[in-house]
Amino acid sequence: MKELDPLILLAVFQEMLGAWLWPLVAVAVLGTLAFAVLLVRDRGLRAQRLVGAQLLAVPGGALALWIMASVSSSGFTDAAGPADWVLIALVFMLGAVGATIVAYTLAGWLGLGGRARSA
């Protein structure tokens, strides 16, 4: 394969994730947009809210690994080479970061964690 075709990548992700693909894409897009709007509204990050959101990083990474293992035809015992373990670590890290951003965003829009700045 000499060139990277986006439709082939879409087909591979659809095969790997099945029914999970589009809900995960929607959460990623809407979550990123809500996070960006929240940052503009608050004029920056709130430390107290961020620390609270980071508590969900490990469970979020574990959830990402569980989703990967449940929708894939192979399990963790099938990981043979370094590339497999790098991919597993990458999935965990993306799940941890994603859970932190979603938790921070939800807490911000619900008015939890962090005092509002006075203008």
C-alpha atoms as a PDB file:
ATOM      1  CA  MET A   1       0.000   0.000   0.000  1.00  0.00           C
ATOM      2  CA  LYS A   2       1.802   3.076  -1.234  1.00  0.00           C
ATOM      3  CA  GLU A   3      -0.755   5.751  -0.431  1.00  0.00           C
ATOM      4  CA  LEU A   4      -2.981   6.425   2.512  1.00  0.00           C
ATOM      5  CA  ASP A   5      -6.657   6.423   1.549  1.00  0.00           C
ATOM      6  CA  PRO A   6      -9.073   7.931   4.121  1.00  0.00           C
ATOM      7  CA  LEU A   7     -11.877   5.630   2.980  1.00  0.00           C
ATOM      8  CA  ILE A   8      -9.733   2.583   3.705  1.00  0.00           C
ATOM      9  CA  LEU A   9      -8.964   3.948   7.165  1.00  0.00           C
ATOM     10  CA  LEU A  10     -12.681   4.493   7.707  1.00  0.00           C
ATOM     11  CA  ALA A  11     -13.408   0.923   6.627  1.00  0.00           C
ATOM     12  CA  VAL A  12     -10.729  -0.437   8.977  1.00  0.00           C
ATOM     13  CA  PHE A  13     -12.058   1.585  11.923  1.00  0.00           C
ATOM     14  CA  GLN A  14     -15.617   0.498  11.094  1.00  0.00           C
ATOM     15  CA  GLU A  15     -14.509  -3.127  11.061  1.00  0.00           C
ATOM     16  CA  MET A  16     -12.556  -2.758  14.311  1.00  0.00           C
ATOM     17  CA  LEU A  17     -15.105  -0.780  16.318  1.00  0.00           C
ATOM     18  CA  GLY A  18     -18.398  -1.793  14.732  1.00  0.00           C
ATOM     19  CA  ALA A  19     -21.335   0.020  16.334  1.00  0.00           C
ATOM     20  CA  TRP A  20     -18.974   1.892  18.697  1.00  0.00           C
ATOM     21  CA  LEU A  21     -17.374   3.938  15.905  1.00  0.00           C
ATOM     22  CA  TRP A  22     -19.937   6.681  15.360  1.00  0.00           C
ATOM     23  CA  PRO A  23     -20.851   7.249  19.035  1.00  0.00           C
ATOM     24  CA  LEU A  24     -17.119   7.545  19.840  1.00  0.00           C
ATOM     25  CA  VAL A  25     -16.605   9.985  16.964  1.00  0.00           C
ATOM     26  CA  ALA A  26     -19.597  12.042  18.134  1.00  0.00           C
ATOM     27  CA  VAL A  27     -18.291  12.160  21.729  1.00  0.00           C
ATOM     28  CA  ALA A  28     -14.839  13.191  20.482  1.00  0.00           C
ATOM     29  CA  VAL A  29     -16.134  15.976  18.221  1.00  0.00           C
ATOM     30  CA  LEU A  30     -18.797  17.337  20.584  1.00  0.00           C
ATOM     31  CA  GLY A  31     -16.524  16.969  23.619  1.00  0.00           C
ATOM     32  CA  THR A  32     -13.701  18.863  21.921  1.00  0.00           C
ATOM     33  CA  LEU A  33     -16.050  21.626  20.832  1.00  0.00           C
ATOM     34  CA  ALA A  34     -17.603  21.920  24.306  1.00  0.00           C
ATOM     35  CA  PHE A  35     -14.113  21.949  25.879  1.00  0.00           C
ATOM     36  CA  ALA A  36     -12.911  24.721  23.554  1.00  0.00           C
ATOM     37  CA  VAL A  37     -15.994  26.847  24.229  1.00  0.00           C
ATOM     38  CA  LEU A  38     -15.562  26.284  27.976  1.00  0.00           C
ATOM     39  CA  LEU A  39     -11.920  27.417  27.812  1.00  0.00           C
ATOM     40  CA  VAL A  40     -12.954  30.604  26.033  1.00  0.00           C
ATOM     41  CA  ARG A  41     -15.806  31.217  28.482  1.00  0.00           C
ATOM     42  CA  ASP A  42     -13.591  30.679  31.548  1.00  0.00           C
ATOM     43  CA  ARG A  43     -10.575  32.426  29.945  1.00  0.00           C
ATOM     44  CA  GLY A  44      -8.314  29.470  30.734  1.00  0.00           C
ATOM     45  CA  LEU A  45      -8.055  26.263  32.718  1.00  0.00           C
ATOM     46  CA  ARG A  46      -9.259  25.969  36.318  1.00  0.00           C
ATOM     47  CA  ALA A  47      -6.749  24.071  38.445  1.00  0.00           C
ATOM     48  CA  GLN A  48      -9.245  22.678  40.954  1.00  0.00           C
ATOM     49  CA  ARG A  49     -11.520  21.368  38.187  1.00  0.00           C
ATOM     50  CA  LEU A  50      -8.566  19.903  36.286  1.00  0.00           C
ATOM     51  CA  VAL A  51      -7.258  18.022  39.322  1.00  0.00           C
ATOM     52  CA  GLY A  52     -10.710  16.597  39.950  1.00  0.00           C
ATOM     53  CA  ALA A  53     -11.040  15.548  36.311  1.00  0.00           C
ATOM     54  CA  GLN A  54      -7.642  13.840  36.392  1.00  0.00           C
ATOM     55  CA  LEU A  55      -8.998  11.410  38.975  1.00  0.00           C
ATOM     56  CA  LEU A  56     -10.933   9.781  36.144  1.00  0.00           C
ATOM     57  CA  ALA A  57      -7.868   9.312  33.922  1.00  0.00           C
ATOM     58  CA  VAL A  58      -7.018   5.782  35.080  1.00  0.00           C
ATOM     59  CA  PRO A  59     -10.618   4.486  34.944  1.00  0.00           C
ATOM     60  CA  GLY A  60     -10.970   6.141  31.519  1.00  0.00           C
ATOM     61  CA  GLY A  61      -7.850   4.411  30.230  1.00  0.00           C
ATOM     62  CA  ALA A  62      -9.055   1.086  31.622  1.00  0.00           C
ATOM     63  CA  LEU A  63     -12.446   1.614  29.949  1.00  0.00           C
ATOM     64  CA  ALA A  64     -10.721   2.303  26.622  1.00  0.00           C
ATOM     65  CA  LEU A  65      -8.775  -0.956  26.957  1.00  0.00           C
ATOM     66  CA  TRP A  66     -11.962  -2.842  27.823  1.00  0.00           C
ATOM     67  CA  ILE A  67     -13.734  -1.406  24.770  1.00  0.00           C
ATOM     68  CA  MET A  68     -10.762  -2.307  22.582  1.00  0.00           C
ATOM     69  CA  ALA A  69     -10.664  -5.874  23.905  1.00  0.00           C
ATOM     70  CA  SER A  70     -14.417  -6.366  23.667  1.00  0.00           C
ATOM     71  CA  VAL A  71     -14.782  -5.198  20.064  1.00  0.00           C
ATOM     72  CA  SER A  72     -11.577  -6.769  18.779  1.00  0.00           C
ATOM     73  CA  SER A  73     -11.214 -10.392  17.737  1.00  0.00           C
ATOM     74  CA  SER A  74      -7.957 -10.666  19.695  1.00  0.00           C
ATOM     75  CA  GLY A  75      -7.155 -10.178  23.343  1.00  0.00           C
ATOM     76  CA  PHE A  76      -4.210  -8.990  25.396  1.00  0.00           C
ATOM     77  CA  THR A  77      -2.646 -12.459  25.412  1.00  0.00           C
ATOM     78  CA  ASP A  78      -2.365 -12.224  21.613  1.00  0.00           C
ATOM     79  CA  ALA A  79      -0.049  -9.203  21.829  1.00  0.00           C
ATOM     80  CA  ALA A  80       3.238 -10.519  20.515  1.00  0.00           C
ATOM     81  CA  GLY A  81       5.563  -7.731  19.468  1.00  0.00           C
ATOM     82  CA  PRO A  82       6.530  -4.289  20.648  1.00  0.00           C
ATOM     83  CA  ALA A  83       4.135  -2.629  18.183  1.00  0.00           C
ATOM     84  CA  ASP A  84       1.207  -4.410  19.839  1.00  0.00           C
ATOM     85  CA  TRP A  85       2.232  -3.177  23.280  1.00  0.00           C
ATOM     86  CA  VAL A  86       2.796   0.350  21.988  1.00  0.00           C
ATOM     87  CA  LEU A  87      -0.736   0.285  20.533  1.00  0.00           C
ATOM     88  CA  ILE A  88      -2.152  -0.966  23.842  1.00  0.00           C
ATOM     89  CA  ALA A  89      -0.336   1.824  25.702  1.00  0.00           C
ATOM     90  CA  LEU A  90      -1.571   4.362  23.151  1.00  0.00           C
ATOM     91  CA  VAL A  91      -5.185   3.222  23.563  1.00  0.00           C
ATOM     92  CA  PHE A  92      -4.847   3.527  27.352  1.00  0.00           C
ATOM     93  CA  MET A  93      -3.329   7.009  27.096  1.00  0.00           C
ATOM     94  CA  LEU A  94      -5.996   8.241  24.661  1.00  0.00           C
ATOM     95  CA  GLY A  95      -8.713   6.868  26.938  1.00  0.00           C
ATOM     96  CA  ALA A  96      -7.133   8.573  29.953  1.00  0.00           C
ATOM     97  CA  VAL A  97      -6.822  11.942  28.191  1.00  0.00           C
ATOM     98  CA  GLY A  98     -10.306  11.652  26.718  1.00  0.00           C
ATOM     99  CA  ALA A  99     -11.862  10.842  30.092  1.00  0.00           C
ATOM    100  CA  THR A 100     -10.057  13.788  31.683  1.00  0.00           C
ATOM    101  CA  ILE A 101     -11.277  16.208  29.014  1.00  0.00           C
ATOM    102  CA  VAL A 102     -14.849  14.907  29.174  1.00  0.00           C
ATOM    103  CA  ALA A 103     -14.892  15.085  32.988  1.00  0.00           C
ATOM    104  CA  TYR A 104     -13.394  18.602  32.991  1.00  0.00           C
ATOM    105  CA  THR A 105     -15.910  19.757  30.399  1.00  0.00           C
ATOM    106  CA  LEU A 106     -18.901  18.243  32.185  1.00  0.00           C
ATOM    107  CA  ALA A 107     -17.786  19.718  35.507  1.00  0.00           C
ATOM    108  CA  GLY A 108     -17.317  23.120  33.889  1.00  0.00           C
ATOM    109  CA  TRP A 109     -20.710  23.204  32.230  1.00  0.00           C
ATOM    110  CA  LEU A 110     -22.423  21.888  35.374  1.00  0.00           C
ATOM    111  CA  GLY A 111     -20.689  24.522  37.507  1.00  0.00           C
ATOM    112  CA  LEU A 112     -18.653  22.082  39.581  1.00  0.00           C
ATOM    113  CA  GLY A 113     -15.033  22.385  40.691  1.00  0.00           C
ATOM    114  CA  GLY A 114     -13.451  25.778  40.534  1.00  0.00           C
ATOM    115  CA  ARG A 115     -14.587  29.237  41.445  1.00  0.00           C
ATOM    116  CA  ALA A 116     -15.757  31.647  38.797  1.00  0.00           C
ATOM    117  CA  ARG A 117     -13.376  34.529  38.226  1.00  0.00           C
ATOM    118  CA  SER A 118     -14.640  38.004  38.956  1.00  0.00           C
ATOM    119  CA  ALA A 119     -14.395  40.379  36.041  1.00  0.00           C
END
